[in-house]
Amino acid sequence: MCGRYSLTSDLDTLQLRFGFRAGDLTYEPRYNVAPTQEVLTVTGDGSENHARFMRWGLIPFWAKDASIGGRMINARAETVVEKPGYREAFQERRCLILADGFYEWRREGKLRTPMRIVLKNGEPFGFAGLWETWKNPEGELVRSCAIITTVPNALMEPIHNRMPVMLARDTEELWLDTGNKDTAELRELLIPYDPSDMEAYPVSDLVNKYQNDVPEVMVRV
């Protein structure tokens, strides 16, 4: 699964990298993003890309309350087309969830070591995401999202049995294209990232608490 990540690149860098309109968006670097928090996403409308914040943890439009979102932070690539909570969003509402690293905990017996996984070039990347709009009891619209996960690549296999789908840069526009309804073509994008372009290193136990949203959680130990 993917339950914690970071996004520390400045807004200008993100705009240049992902080609979105930010409007009056305000943004601060995040070092330890956790489920149910607001996360930065990119969506497309067929002509241009837009950045917006959404709640991490997808709330289906038919949900009775928002609590279900806490259990829907990840969608499995193998079943995303069939699952009732995700299948319509897969067809109609795909997004990028922006990051520049993510965390997983490597198990060795009873020992759990937090690991940070990044691209070797240090650049930000986009998780393959789905999003949904839900109306709360007060009538307010809540946008929420989930990260799609897949089987691990060679780098991730010793760390965890799942990894988030990190889209290759040249497939991002295809993923965001709302006019594309080709399920088979879209599913072909949900593959493990090339491990030769990634690295993983241990970090301190500070990352275990989501309240520690500070640069120190990313430091190699």
N, C-alpha and C. Protein backbone atom coordinates (compact mmCIF):
# COMPACT_ATOMS: atom_id res chain seq x y z
N MET A 1 0.83 -1.19 0.00
CA MET A 1 0.00 0.00 0.00
C MET A 1 0.87 1.24 0.00
N CYS A 2 0.27 2.38 -0.06
CA CYS A 2 0.98 3.65 0.09
C CYS A 2 0.22 4.47 1.11
N GLY A 3 0.82 4.69 2.27
CA GLY A 3 0.12 5.39 3.33
C GLY A 3 0.81 6.65 3.81
N ARG A 4 1.95 7.00 3.22
CA ARG A 4 2.65 8.20 3.64
C ARG A 4 3.58 8.63 2.52
N TYR A 5 3.66 9.94 2.27
CA TYR A 5 4.56 10.42 1.23
C TYR A 5 4.93 11.87 1.48
N SER A 6 5.71 12.45 0.57
CA SER A 6 6.16 13.83 0.72
C SER A 6 6.01 14.57 -0.60
N LEU A 7 5.92 15.89 -0.49
CA LEU A 7 5.95 16.79 -1.65
C LEU A 7 6.58 18.10 -1.20
N THR A 8 7.85 18.27 -1.53
CA THR A 8 8.61 19.43 -1.03
C THR A 8 9.04 20.38 -2.13
N SER A 9 8.82 20.03 -3.39
CA SER A 9 9.21 20.91 -4.50
C SER A 9 8.40 22.20 -4.44
N ASP A 10 9.01 23.31 -4.87
CA ASP A 10 8.29 24.58 -4.85
C ASP A 10 7.26 24.62 -5.99
N LEU A 11 6.30 25.53 -5.86
CA LEU A 11 5.17 25.58 -6.79
C LEU A 11 5.61 25.86 -8.22
N ASP A 12 6.60 26.72 -8.40
CA ASP A 12 7.08 27.02 -9.75
C ASP A 12 7.64 25.77 -10.42
N THR A 13 8.40 24.99 -9.66
CA THR A 13 8.96 23.75 -10.19
C THR A 13 7.85 22.79 -10.59
N LEU A 14 6.82 22.69 -9.75
CA LEU A 14 5.71 21.79 -10.04
C LEU A 14 4.92 22.24 -11.26
N GLN A 15 4.70 23.55 -11.38
CA GLN A 15 3.98 24.07 -12.56
C GLN A 15 4.75 23.76 -13.84
N LEU A 16 6.05 23.96 -13.81
CA LEU A 16 6.87 23.71 -14.98
C LEU A 16 6.88 22.22 -15.32
N ARG A 17 6.98 21.40 -14.29
CA ARG A 17 7.06 19.94 -14.52
C ARG A 17 5.75 19.35 -15.02
N PHE A 18 4.61 19.78 -14.45
CA PHE A 18 3.33 19.15 -14.76
C PHE A 18 2.42 20.01 -15.64
N GLY A 19 2.84 21.23 -15.95
CA GLY A 19 2.13 22.06 -16.90
C GLY A 19 0.70 22.40 -16.51
N PHE A 20 0.49 22.78 -15.27
CA PHE A 20 -0.87 23.10 -14.82
C PHE A 20 -1.04 24.58 -14.54
N ARG A 21 -2.31 25.00 -14.50
CA ARG A 21 -2.66 26.35 -14.06
C ARG A 21 -2.93 26.31 -12.56
N ALA A 22 -2.26 27.18 -11.82
CA ALA A 22 -2.40 27.17 -10.37
C ALA A 22 -3.40 28.20 -9.87
N GLY A 23 -3.69 29.23 -10.69
CA GLY A 23 -4.62 30.27 -10.25
C GLY A 23 -4.11 30.92 -8.96
N ASP A 24 -4.99 31.02 -7.97
CA ASP A 24 -4.60 31.63 -6.70
C ASP A 24 -4.26 30.57 -5.66
N LEU A 25 -3.87 29.40 -6.10
CA LEU A 25 -3.52 28.30 -5.20
C LEU A 25 -2.35 28.69 -4.31
N THR A 26 -2.47 28.40 -3.04
CA THR A 26 -1.35 28.58 -2.11
C THR A 26 -0.89 27.20 -1.66
N TYR A 27 0.41 27.06 -1.48
CA TYR A 27 0.98 25.73 -1.28
C TYR A 27 2.20 25.83 -0.36
N GLU A 28 2.32 24.87 0.53
CA GLU A 28 3.49 24.77 1.40
C GLU A 28 4.08 23.37 1.27
N PRO A 29 5.40 23.25 1.35
CA PRO A 29 6.02 21.92 1.26
C PRO A 29 5.50 21.00 2.37
N ARG A 30 5.36 19.73 2.03
CA ARG A 30 4.90 18.70 2.98
C ARG A 30 5.94 17.59 3.03
N TYR A 31 6.27 17.17 4.24
CA TYR A 31 7.31 16.17 4.43
C TYR A 31 6.77 14.82 4.88
N ASN A 32 5.52 14.79 5.34
CA ASN A 32 4.97 13.57 5.92
C ASN A 32 3.45 13.57 5.73
N VAL A 33 3.02 13.48 4.49
CA VAL A 33 1.59 13.53 4.15
C VAL A 33 0.92 12.25 4.60
N ALA A 34 -0.27 12.38 5.21
CA ALA A 34 -0.98 11.22 5.76
C ALA A 34 -2.41 11.18 5.24
N PRO A 35 -3.05 10.01 5.27
CA PRO A 35 -4.44 9.88 4.82
C PRO A 35 -5.38 10.83 5.54
N THR A 36 -6.43 11.22 4.84
CA THR A 36 -7.50 12.15 5.23
C THR A 36 -7.05 13.61 5.18
N GLN A 37 -5.77 13.87 4.90
CA GLN A 37 -5.30 15.24 4.76
C GLN A 37 -5.54 15.74 3.33
N GLU A 38 -5.44 17.06 3.16
CA GLU A 38 -5.58 17.66 1.83
C GLU A 38 -4.27 17.47 1.06
N VAL A 39 -4.37 16.98 -0.17
CA VAL A 39 -3.19 16.70 -0.98
C VAL A 39 -3.31 17.40 -2.33
N LEU A 40 -2.16 17.70 -2.92
CA LEU A 40 -2.14 18.43 -4.19
C LEU A 40 -2.27 17.46 -5.36
N THR A 41 -3.23 17.74 -6.23
CA THR A 41 -3.50 16.88 -7.38
C THR A 41 -3.53 17.71 -8.66
N VAL A 42 -3.44 17.01 -9.77
CA VAL A 42 -3.59 17.63 -11.09
C VAL A 42 -4.67 16.87 -11.85
N THR A 43 -5.62 17.61 -12.40
CA THR A 43 -6.68 17.03 -13.23
C THR A 43 -6.64 17.70 -14.59
N GLY A 44 -7.23 17.05 -15.59
CA GLY A 44 -7.30 17.61 -16.93
C GLY A 44 -8.75 17.76 -17.37
N ASP A 45 -9.01 18.74 -18.22
CA ASP A 45 -10.37 18.92 -18.73
C ASP A 45 -10.43 18.80 -20.24
N GLY A 46 -9.36 18.27 -20.84
CA GLY A 46 -9.31 18.11 -22.28
C GLY A 46 -8.54 19.20 -22.99
N SER A 47 -8.40 20.36 -22.34
CA SER A 47 -7.67 21.45 -22.97
C SER A 47 -6.47 21.91 -22.14
N GLU A 48 -6.59 21.87 -20.81
CA GLU A 48 -5.48 22.26 -19.95
C GLU A 48 -5.59 21.53 -18.62
N ASN A 49 -4.48 21.55 -17.88
CA ASN A 49 -4.43 20.88 -16.58
C ASN A 49 -4.61 21.89 -15.47
N HIS A 50 -5.22 21.44 -14.39
CA HIS A 50 -5.48 22.30 -13.24
C HIS A 50 -4.98 21.63 -11.96
N ALA A 51 -4.40 22.42 -11.07
CA ALA A 51 -3.98 21.92 -9.77
C ALA A 51 -5.06 22.25 -8.74
N ARG A 52 -5.33 21.31 -7.87
CA ARG A 52 -6.32 21.54 -6.81
C ARG A 52 -6.02 20.60 -5.65
N PHE A 53 -6.50 21.00 -4.49
CA PHE A 53 -6.35 20.15 -3.32
C PHE A 53 -7.57 19.25 -3.18
N MET A 54 -7.31 18.01 -2.77
CA MET A 54 -8.37 17.05 -2.49
C MET A 54 -8.03 16.31 -1.20
N ARG A 55 -9.05 15.76 -0.60
CA ARG A 55 -8.87 14.94 0.60
C ARG A 55 -8.37 13.56 0.18
N TRP A 56 -7.29 13.08 0.85
CA TRP A 56 -6.76 11.76 0.52
C TRP A 56 -7.58 10.69 1.24
N GLY A 57 -8.25 9.86 0.44
CA GLY A 57 -9.16 8.84 0.93
C GLY A 57 -10.47 9.02 0.20
N LEU A 58 -10.68 8.25 -0.86
CA LEU A 58 -11.80 8.48 -1.76
C LEU A 58 -13.14 8.19 -1.09
N ILE A 59 -14.05 9.14 -1.19
CA ILE A 59 -15.41 9.01 -0.67
C ILE A 59 -16.34 8.84 -1.86
N PRO A 60 -16.88 7.65 -2.11
CA PRO A 60 -17.78 7.46 -3.25
C PRO A 60 -18.99 8.38 -3.15
N PHE A 61 -19.54 8.75 -4.30
CA PHE A 61 -20.68 9.68 -4.30
C PHE A 61 -21.87 9.11 -3.56
N TRP A 62 -21.95 7.77 -3.44
CA TRP A 62 -23.09 7.14 -2.78
C TRP A 62 -22.87 6.91 -1.29
N ALA A 63 -21.71 7.31 -0.76
CA ALA A 63 -21.41 7.07 0.65
C ALA A 63 -22.35 7.85 1.57
N LYS A 64 -22.69 7.26 2.72
CA LYS A 64 -23.55 7.93 3.69
C LYS A 64 -22.78 8.90 4.56
N ASP A 65 -21.50 8.63 4.77
CA ASP A 65 -20.66 9.56 5.54
C ASP A 65 -19.23 9.46 5.05
N ALA A 66 -18.39 10.39 5.52
CA ALA A 66 -17.03 10.51 5.00
C ALA A 66 -16.07 9.47 5.56
N SER A 67 -16.47 8.74 6.58
CA SER A 67 -15.55 7.83 7.25
C SER A 67 -15.02 6.74 6.33
N ILE A 68 -15.79 6.37 5.31
CA ILE A 68 -15.34 5.34 4.38
C ILE A 68 -14.06 5.73 3.68
N GLY A 69 -13.81 7.03 3.54
CA GLY A 69 -12.61 7.49 2.86
C GLY A 69 -11.34 7.04 3.52
N GLY A 70 -11.36 6.89 4.85
CA GLY A 70 -10.17 6.44 5.55
C GLY A 70 -9.76 5.03 5.19
N ARG A 71 -10.69 4.26 4.61
CA ARG A 71 -10.40 2.89 4.20
C ARG A 71 -10.17 2.78 2.69
N MET A 72 -10.24 3.92 2.00
CA MET A 72 -10.11 3.90 0.54
C MET A 72 -9.01 4.86 0.08
N ILE A 73 -7.86 4.77 0.75
CA ILE A 73 -6.73 5.61 0.35
C ILE A 73 -5.99 5.02 -0.84
N ASN A 74 -6.11 3.69 -1.03
CA ASN A 74 -5.46 3.00 -2.14
C ASN A 74 -6.47 2.16 -2.91
N ALA A 75 -6.25 2.07 -4.22
CA ALA A 75 -7.05 1.19 -5.08
C ALA A 75 -6.09 0.25 -5.79
N ARG A 76 -6.39 -1.03 -5.78
CA ARG A 76 -5.52 -2.03 -6.40
C ARG A 76 -5.69 -2.01 -7.92
N ALA A 77 -4.56 -1.95 -8.63
CA ALA A 77 -4.61 -1.90 -10.09
C ALA A 77 -5.32 -3.11 -10.68
N GLU A 78 -5.19 -4.26 -10.02
CA GLU A 78 -5.76 -5.49 -10.55
C GLU A 78 -7.28 -5.50 -10.53
N THR A 79 -7.89 -4.73 -9.63
CA THR A 79 -9.35 -4.80 -9.47
C THR A 79 -10.04 -3.44 -9.60
N VAL A 80 -9.30 -2.41 -9.95
CA VAL A 80 -9.85 -1.05 -9.93
C VAL A 80 -11.02 -0.88 -10.90
N VAL A 81 -11.02 -1.66 -11.98
CA VAL A 81 -12.10 -1.53 -12.97
C VAL A 81 -13.39 -2.17 -12.48
N GLU A 82 -13.27 -3.17 -11.60
CA GLU A 82 -14.45 -3.90 -11.16
C GLU A 82 -15.05 -3.38 -9.85
N LYS A 83 -14.24 -2.81 -8.98
CA LYS A 83 -14.72 -2.42 -7.66
C LYS A 83 -15.74 -1.28 -7.76
N PRO A 84 -16.91 -1.41 -7.11
CA PRO A 84 -17.94 -0.38 -7.21
C PRO A 84 -17.48 1.01 -6.78
N GLY A 85 -16.57 1.09 -5.81
CA GLY A 85 -16.14 2.38 -5.32
C GLY A 85 -15.20 3.12 -6.26
N TYR A 86 -14.63 2.39 -7.25
CA TYR A 86 -13.60 2.97 -8.10
C TYR A 86 -13.91 2.94 -9.59
N ARG A 87 -14.76 2.03 -10.06
CA ARG A 87 -14.86 1.78 -11.49
C ARG A 87 -15.35 2.99 -12.28
N GLU A 88 -16.30 3.77 -11.74
CA GLU A 88 -16.76 4.94 -12.48
C GLU A 88 -15.69 6.02 -12.51
N ALA A 89 -15.00 6.20 -11.40
CA ALA A 89 -13.92 7.19 -11.36
C ALA A 89 -12.81 6.80 -12.32
N PHE A 90 -12.55 5.51 -12.46
CA PHE A 90 -11.51 5.06 -13.39
C PHE A 90 -11.86 5.47 -14.82
N GLN A 91 -13.12 5.44 -15.16
CA GLN A 91 -13.56 5.84 -16.49
C GLN A 91 -13.58 7.35 -16.67
N GLU A 92 -13.99 8.08 -15.64
CA GLU A 92 -14.32 9.49 -15.81
C GLU A 92 -13.42 10.48 -15.07
N ARG A 93 -12.82 10.07 -13.95
CA ARG A 93 -12.15 11.04 -13.07
C ARG A 93 -10.79 10.51 -12.62
N ARG A 94 -9.82 10.65 -13.49
CA ARG A 94 -8.45 10.25 -13.16
C ARG A 94 -7.62 11.50 -12.87
N CYS A 95 -6.63 11.35 -12.03
CA CYS A 95 -5.80 12.51 -11.65
C CYS A 95 -4.38 12.05 -11.38
N LEU A 96 -3.50 13.01 -11.25
CA LEU A 96 -2.16 12.80 -10.73
C LEU A 96 -2.15 13.30 -9.29
N ILE A 97 -1.55 12.54 -8.40
CA ILE A 97 -1.33 12.98 -7.03
C ILE A 97 0.16 13.22 -6.91
N LEU A 98 0.55 14.48 -6.70
CA LEU A 98 1.94 14.88 -6.83
C LEU A 98 2.76 14.51 -5.59
N ALA A 99 3.98 14.05 -5.84
CA ALA A 99 4.88 13.62 -4.76
C ALA A 99 6.32 13.76 -5.22
N ASP A 100 7.24 13.71 -4.27
CA ASP A 100 8.65 13.60 -4.63
C ASP A 100 9.35 12.51 -3.82
N GLY A 101 8.55 11.72 -3.10
CA GLY A 101 9.06 10.58 -2.36
C GLY A 101 7.92 9.94 -1.59
N PHE A 102 8.08 8.67 -1.23
CA PHE A 102 7.08 8.03 -0.38
C PHE A 102 7.79 7.13 0.62
N TYR A 103 7.06 6.71 1.64
CA TYR A 103 7.62 5.92 2.74
C TYR A 103 6.97 4.55 2.81
N GLU A 104 7.78 3.55 3.11
CA GLU A 104 7.28 2.22 3.44
C GLU A 104 8.14 1.67 4.58
N TRP A 105 7.58 0.69 5.27
CA TRP A 105 8.27 0.12 6.42
C TRP A 105 8.73 -1.29 6.09
N ARG A 106 10.04 -1.50 6.07
CA ARG A 106 10.62 -2.81 5.77
C ARG A 106 10.63 -3.65 7.04
N ARG A 107 10.06 -4.84 6.94
CA ARG A 107 9.99 -5.75 8.08
C ARG A 107 11.14 -6.75 8.04
N GLU A 108 11.84 -6.86 9.18
CA GLU A 108 12.88 -7.86 9.36
C GLU A 108 12.65 -8.48 10.74
N GLY A 109 11.89 -9.59 10.76
CA GLY A 109 11.48 -10.14 12.04
C GLY A 109 10.54 -9.18 12.73
N LYS A 110 10.85 -8.79 13.94
CA LYS A 110 10.02 -7.84 14.67
C LYS A 110 10.42 -6.39 14.41
N LEU A 111 11.51 -6.21 13.68
CA LEU A 111 12.01 -4.87 13.41
C LEU A 111 11.31 -4.28 12.20
N ARG A 112 10.86 -3.02 12.33
CA ARG A 112 10.26 -2.30 11.22
C ARG A 112 11.10 -1.05 10.95
N THR A 113 11.71 -1.00 9.78
CA THR A 113 12.57 0.12 9.42
C THR A 113 11.87 1.00 8.40
N PRO A 114 11.64 2.28 8.72
CA PRO A 114 11.04 3.17 7.74
C PRO A 114 12.02 3.48 6.61
N MET A 115 11.52 3.39 5.39
CA MET A 115 12.34 3.63 4.21
C MET A 115 11.71 4.76 3.39
N ARG A 116 12.56 5.60 2.82
CA ARG A 116 12.10 6.64 1.91
C ARG A 116 12.49 6.23 0.50
N ILE A 117 11.53 6.32 -0.42
CA ILE A 117 11.76 5.90 -1.80
C ILE A 117 11.59 7.12 -2.71
N VAL A 118 12.58 7.38 -3.54
CA VAL A 118 12.61 8.58 -4.38
C VAL A 118 13.14 8.22 -5.76
N LEU A 119 13.03 9.17 -6.69
CA LEU A 119 13.72 9.05 -7.97
C LEU A 119 15.17 9.49 -7.79
N LYS A 120 16.07 8.82 -8.46
CA LYS A 120 17.49 9.15 -8.33
C LYS A 120 17.80 10.59 -8.75
N ASN A 121 17.02 11.11 -9.70
CA ASN A 121 17.28 12.48 -10.16
C ASN A 121 16.66 13.53 -9.25
N GLY A 122 15.93 13.10 -8.23
CA GLY A 122 15.35 14.03 -7.26
C GLY A 122 14.11 14.75 -7.73
N GLU A 123 13.62 14.44 -8.92
CA GLU A 123 12.47 15.16 -9.47
C GLU A 123 11.15 14.69 -8.86
N PRO A 124 10.14 15.56 -8.86
CA PRO A 124 8.80 15.13 -8.44
C PRO A 124 8.18 14.22 -9.50
N PHE A 125 7.15 13.49 -9.10
CA PHE A 125 6.47 12.57 -10.01
C PHE A 125 4.99 12.54 -9.65
N GLY A 126 4.22 11.85 -10.46
CA GLY A 126 2.78 11.78 -10.22
C GLY A 126 2.34 10.35 -9.97
N PHE A 127 1.68 10.12 -8.83
CA PHE A 127 1.00 8.85 -8.62
C PHE A 127 -0.24 8.80 -9.51
N ALA A 128 -0.58 7.63 -10.02
CA ALA A 128 -1.85 7.45 -10.71
C ALA A 128 -2.96 7.51 -9.67
N GLY A 129 -3.89 8.46 -9.84
CA GLY A 129 -4.95 8.63 -8.86
C GLY A 129 -6.33 8.67 -9.49
N LEU A 130 -7.32 8.44 -8.65
CA LEU A 130 -8.73 8.58 -9.01
C LEU A 130 -9.35 9.58 -8.07
N TRP A 131 -10.38 10.30 -8.55
CA TRP A 131 -11.02 11.26 -7.65
C TRP A 131 -12.54 11.20 -7.79
N GLU A 132 -13.17 11.73 -6.78
CA GLU A 132 -14.63 11.67 -6.70
C GLU A 132 -15.14 12.92 -5.99
N THR A 133 -16.40 13.28 -6.25
CA THR A 133 -17.06 14.38 -5.56
C THR A 133 -18.20 13.82 -4.72
N TRP A 134 -18.25 14.22 -3.47
CA TRP A 134 -19.28 13.76 -2.52
C TRP A 134 -19.89 14.97 -1.84
N LYS A 135 -21.19 14.92 -1.62
CA LYS A 135 -21.86 16.02 -0.93
C LYS A 135 -22.11 15.63 0.51
N ASN A 136 -21.58 16.44 1.44
CA ASN A 136 -21.75 16.12 2.86
C ASN A 136 -23.14 16.56 3.34
N PRO A 137 -23.52 16.20 4.57
CA PRO A 137 -24.87 16.52 5.06
C PRO A 137 -25.19 18.01 5.06
N GLU A 138 -24.16 18.86 5.09
CA GLU A 138 -24.37 20.31 5.06
C GLU A 138 -24.52 20.83 3.64
N GLY A 139 -24.42 19.93 2.66
CA GLY A 139 -24.58 20.33 1.27
C GLY A 139 -23.30 20.79 0.60
N GLU A 140 -22.17 20.67 1.29
CA GLU A 140 -20.90 21.09 0.73
C GLU A 140 -20.31 19.96 -0.12
N LEU A 141 -19.65 20.33 -1.21
CA LEU A 141 -19.00 19.35 -2.06
C LEU A 141 -17.59 19.06 -1.56
N VAL A 142 -17.28 17.80 -1.42
CA VAL A 142 -15.96 17.36 -0.96
C VAL A 142 -15.30 16.57 -2.08
N ARG A 143 -14.15 17.02 -2.56
CA ARG A 143 -13.39 16.26 -3.54
C ARG A 143 -12.37 15.40 -2.81
N SER A 144 -12.30 14.14 -3.18
CA SER A 144 -11.40 13.20 -2.52
C SER A 144 -10.73 12.32 -3.56
N CYS A 145 -9.65 11.65 -3.17
CA CYS A 145 -8.88 10.88 -4.14
C CYS A 145 -8.26 9.65 -3.50
N ALA A 146 -7.82 8.74 -4.36
CA ALA A 146 -7.12 7.53 -3.94
C ALA A 146 -5.93 7.30 -4.85
N ILE A 147 -4.88 6.67 -4.31
CA ILE A 147 -3.68 6.32 -5.07
C ILE A 147 -3.80 4.86 -5.52
N ILE A 148 -3.54 4.60 -6.78
CA ILE A 148 -3.57 3.23 -7.29
C ILE A 148 -2.24 2.55 -6.98
N THR A 149 -2.32 1.30 -6.53
CA THR A 149 -1.11 0.53 -6.21
C THR A 149 -1.01 -0.68 -7.12
N THR A 150 0.21 -1.21 -7.22
CA THR A 150 0.47 -2.37 -8.06
C THR A 150 1.48 -3.28 -7.37
N VAL A 151 1.90 -4.32 -8.06
CA VAL A 151 2.90 -5.23 -7.50
C VAL A 151 4.25 -4.51 -7.42
N PRO A 152 5.15 -4.93 -6.54
CA PRO A 152 6.41 -4.22 -6.38
C PRO A 152 7.40 -4.52 -7.50
N ASN A 153 8.27 -3.56 -7.76
CA ASN A 153 9.39 -3.81 -8.66
C ASN A 153 10.55 -4.40 -7.86
N ALA A 154 11.69 -4.57 -8.51
CA ALA A 154 12.82 -5.23 -7.85
C ALA A 154 13.34 -4.43 -6.66
N LEU A 155 13.24 -3.12 -6.71
CA LEU A 155 13.68 -2.29 -5.59
C LEU A 155 12.75 -2.43 -4.40
N MET A 156 11.45 -2.46 -4.67
CA MET A 156 10.46 -2.46 -3.61
C MET A 156 10.18 -3.84 -3.03
N GLU A 157 10.46 -4.89 -3.78
CA GLU A 157 10.08 -6.24 -3.34
C GLU A 157 10.63 -6.60 -1.96
N PRO A 158 11.89 -6.25 -1.61
CA PRO A 158 12.37 -6.57 -0.26
C PRO A 158 11.74 -5.69 0.83
N ILE A 159 11.07 -4.62 0.42
CA ILE A 159 10.53 -3.66 1.38
C ILE A 159 9.06 -3.91 1.65
N HIS A 160 8.27 -4.12 0.58
CA HIS A 160 6.82 -4.26 0.74
C HIS A 160 6.25 -5.03 -0.45
N ASN A 161 5.09 -5.64 -0.26
CA ASN A 161 4.49 -6.43 -1.33
C ASN A 161 3.60 -5.61 -2.27
N ARG A 162 3.51 -4.31 -2.06
CA ARG A 162 2.80 -3.40 -2.96
C ARG A 162 3.62 -2.13 -3.13
N MET A 163 3.33 -1.39 -4.20
CA MET A 163 3.93 -0.07 -4.37
C MET A 163 2.93 0.81 -5.12
N PRO A 164 3.01 2.12 -4.93
CA PRO A 164 2.12 3.01 -5.69
C PRO A 164 2.51 3.04 -7.15
N VAL A 165 1.52 3.24 -8.00
CA VAL A 165 1.79 3.41 -9.44
C VAL A 165 2.34 4.82 -9.66
N MET A 166 3.60 4.90 -10.04
CA MET A 166 4.24 6.16 -10.39
C MET A 166 4.25 6.22 -11.91
N LEU A 167 3.45 7.09 -12.46
CA LEU A 167 3.30 7.12 -13.91
C LEU A 167 4.56 7.64 -14.60
N ALA A 168 4.94 6.97 -15.67
CA ALA A 168 6.02 7.49 -16.50
C ALA A 168 5.61 8.85 -17.06
N ARG A 169 6.55 9.74 -17.18
CA ARG A 169 6.24 11.11 -17.57
C ARG A 169 5.50 11.17 -18.91
N ASP A 170 5.88 10.32 -19.85
CA ASP A 170 5.26 10.38 -21.18
C ASP A 170 3.88 9.74 -21.23
N THR A 171 3.38 9.22 -20.11
CA THR A 171 2.03 8.65 -20.07
C THR A 171 1.05 9.50 -19.26
N GLU A 172 1.53 10.58 -18.67
CA GLU A 172 0.67 11.37 -17.77
C GLU A 172 -0.49 12.01 -18.51
N GLU A 173 -0.25 12.57 -19.69
CA GLU A 173 -1.34 13.22 -20.43
C GLU A 173 -2.39 12.21 -20.87
N LEU A 174 -1.94 11.03 -21.24
CA LEU A 174 -2.89 9.97 -21.60
C LEU A 174 -3.77 9.63 -20.40
N TRP A 175 -3.16 9.54 -19.23
CA TRP A 175 -3.91 9.23 -18.01
C TRP A 175 -4.93 10.33 -17.68
N LEU A 176 -4.56 11.56 -17.90
CA LEU A 176 -5.44 12.68 -17.56
C LEU A 176 -6.51 12.96 -18.62
N ASP A 177 -6.38 12.38 -19.79
CA ASP A 177 -7.29 12.65 -20.90
C ASP A 177 -8.69 12.12 -20.57
N THR A 178 -9.62 13.02 -20.26
CA THR A 178 -10.97 12.61 -19.87
C THR A 178 -11.74 12.01 -21.04
N GLY A 179 -11.27 12.23 -22.26
CA GLY A 179 -11.94 11.65 -23.41
C GLY A 179 -11.54 10.22 -23.68
N ASN A 180 -10.52 9.75 -23.00
CA ASN A 180 -10.05 8.38 -23.21
C ASN A 180 -10.84 7.42 -22.33
N LYS A 181 -11.64 6.55 -22.95
CA LYS A 181 -12.44 5.56 -22.23
C LYS A 181 -11.93 4.14 -22.47
N ASP A 182 -10.74 4.03 -23.07
CA ASP A 182 -10.19 2.72 -23.41
C ASP A 182 -9.62 2.07 -22.15
N THR A 183 -10.42 1.27 -21.49
CA THR A 183 -10.03 0.66 -20.22
C THR A 183 -8.77 -0.18 -20.36
N ALA A 184 -8.67 -0.95 -21.42
CA ALA A 184 -7.50 -1.81 -21.62
C ALA A 184 -6.23 -0.98 -21.75
N GLU A 185 -6.31 0.11 -22.52
CA GLU A 185 -5.13 0.96 -22.70
C GLU A 185 -4.73 1.61 -21.39
N LEU A 186 -5.70 2.07 -20.62
CA LEU A 186 -5.40 2.73 -19.35
C LEU A 186 -4.81 1.76 -18.34
N ARG A 187 -5.31 0.55 -18.32
CA ARG A 187 -4.78 -0.44 -17.37
C ARG A 187 -3.33 -0.78 -17.67
N GLU A 188 -2.93 -0.67 -18.93
CA GLU A 188 -1.54 -0.96 -19.29
C GLU A 188 -0.56 0.03 -18.67
N LEU A 189 -1.07 1.19 -18.22
CA LEU A 189 -0.21 2.19 -17.58
C LEU A 189 0.07 1.86 -16.12
N LEU A 190 -0.71 0.96 -15.54
CA LEU A 190 -0.64 0.70 -14.10
C LEU A 190 0.36 -0.39 -13.78
N ILE A 191 1.62 -0.09 -14.05
CA ILE A 191 2.71 -1.05 -13.91
C ILE A 191 3.77 -0.50 -12.96
N PRO A 192 4.62 -1.37 -12.43
CA PRO A 192 5.70 -0.89 -11.55
C PRO A 192 6.66 0.04 -12.30
N TYR A 193 7.15 1.04 -11.60
CA TYR A 193 8.11 1.98 -12.18
C TYR A 193 9.45 1.29 -12.38
N ASP A 194 10.23 1.79 -13.32
CA ASP A 194 11.56 1.23 -13.60
C ASP A 194 12.44 1.36 -12.36
N PRO A 195 12.86 0.25 -11.74
CA PRO A 195 13.63 0.33 -10.50
C PRO A 195 15.01 0.96 -10.69
N SER A 196 15.54 0.94 -11.91
CA SER A 196 16.88 1.51 -12.12
C SER A 196 16.88 3.02 -11.96
N ASP A 197 15.70 3.65 -12.00
CA ASP A 197 15.59 5.10 -11.84
C ASP A 197 15.23 5.50 -10.41
N MET A 198 15.17 4.52 -9.50
CA MET A 198 14.73 4.79 -8.13
C MET A 198 15.80 4.40 -7.13
N GLU A 199 15.67 4.94 -5.95
CA GLU A 199 16.51 4.50 -4.83
C GLU A 199 15.70 4.53 -3.54
N ALA A 200 16.13 3.73 -2.58
CA ALA A 200 15.48 3.67 -1.27
C ALA A 200 16.55 3.76 -0.19
N TYR A 201 16.22 4.48 0.88
CA TYR A 201 17.17 4.59 1.99
C TYR A 201 16.41 4.69 3.30
N PRO A 202 17.03 4.24 4.40
CA PRO A 202 16.35 4.28 5.70
C PRO A 202 16.28 5.69 6.26
N VAL A 203 15.20 5.97 6.97
CA VAL A 203 15.03 7.24 7.67
C VAL A 203 14.68 6.94 9.12
N SER A 204 14.58 7.99 9.92
CA SER A 204 14.38 7.79 11.35
C SER A 204 12.92 7.48 11.67
N ASP A 205 12.69 7.04 12.91
CA ASP A 205 11.34 6.72 13.37
C ASP A 205 10.46 7.96 13.50
N LEU A 206 11.01 9.14 13.29
CA LEU A 206 10.19 10.36 13.32
C LEU A 206 9.01 10.27 12.37
N VAL A 207 9.22 9.60 11.24
CA VAL A 207 8.17 9.52 10.22
C VAL A 207 6.98 8.69 10.69
N ASN A 208 7.16 7.89 11.74
CA ASN A 208 6.07 7.03 12.22
C ASN A 208 4.86 7.84 12.69
N LYS A 209 5.09 9.05 13.16
CA LYS A 209 4.00 9.91 13.61
C LYS A 209 3.74 10.98 12.56
N TYR A 210 2.51 10.98 12.04
CA TYR A 210 2.20 11.91 10.96
C TYR A 210 2.31 13.37 11.41
N GLN A 211 2.23 13.60 12.73
CA GLN A 211 2.35 14.97 13.23
C GLN A 211 3.75 15.53 12.97
N ASN A 212 4.73 14.67 12.75
CA ASN A 212 6.10 15.11 12.48
C ASN A 212 6.23 15.45 11.00
N ASP A 213 5.64 16.55 10.61
CA ASP A 213 5.68 17.00 9.22
C ASP A 213 6.81 18.01 9.08
N VAL A 214 8.03 17.51 9.21
CA VAL A 214 9.23 18.35 9.26
C VAL A 214 10.31 17.75 8.37
N PRO A 215 11.27 18.56 7.91
CA PRO A 215 12.30 18.05 7.00
C PRO A 215 13.10 16.89 7.58
N GLU A 216 13.22 16.83 8.89
CA GLU A 216 14.04 15.79 9.50
C GLU A 216 13.57 14.37 9.20
N VAL A 217 12.28 14.21 8.86
CA VAL A 217 11.78 12.86 8.59
C VAL A 217 12.38 12.29 7.30
N MET A 218 12.92 13.15 6.43
CA MET A 218 13.45 12.69 5.16
C MET A 218 14.95 12.39 5.21
N VAL A 219 15.59 12.67 6.32
CA VAL A 219 17.05 12.57 6.40
C VAL A 219 17.49 11.09 6.42
N ARG A 220 18.46 10.78 5.62
CA ARG A 220 19.02 9.43 5.56
C ARG A 220 19.73 9.09 6.88
N VAL A 221 19.50 7.90 7.39
CA VAL A 221 20.18 7.47 8.63
C VAL A 221 20.96 6.20 8.37
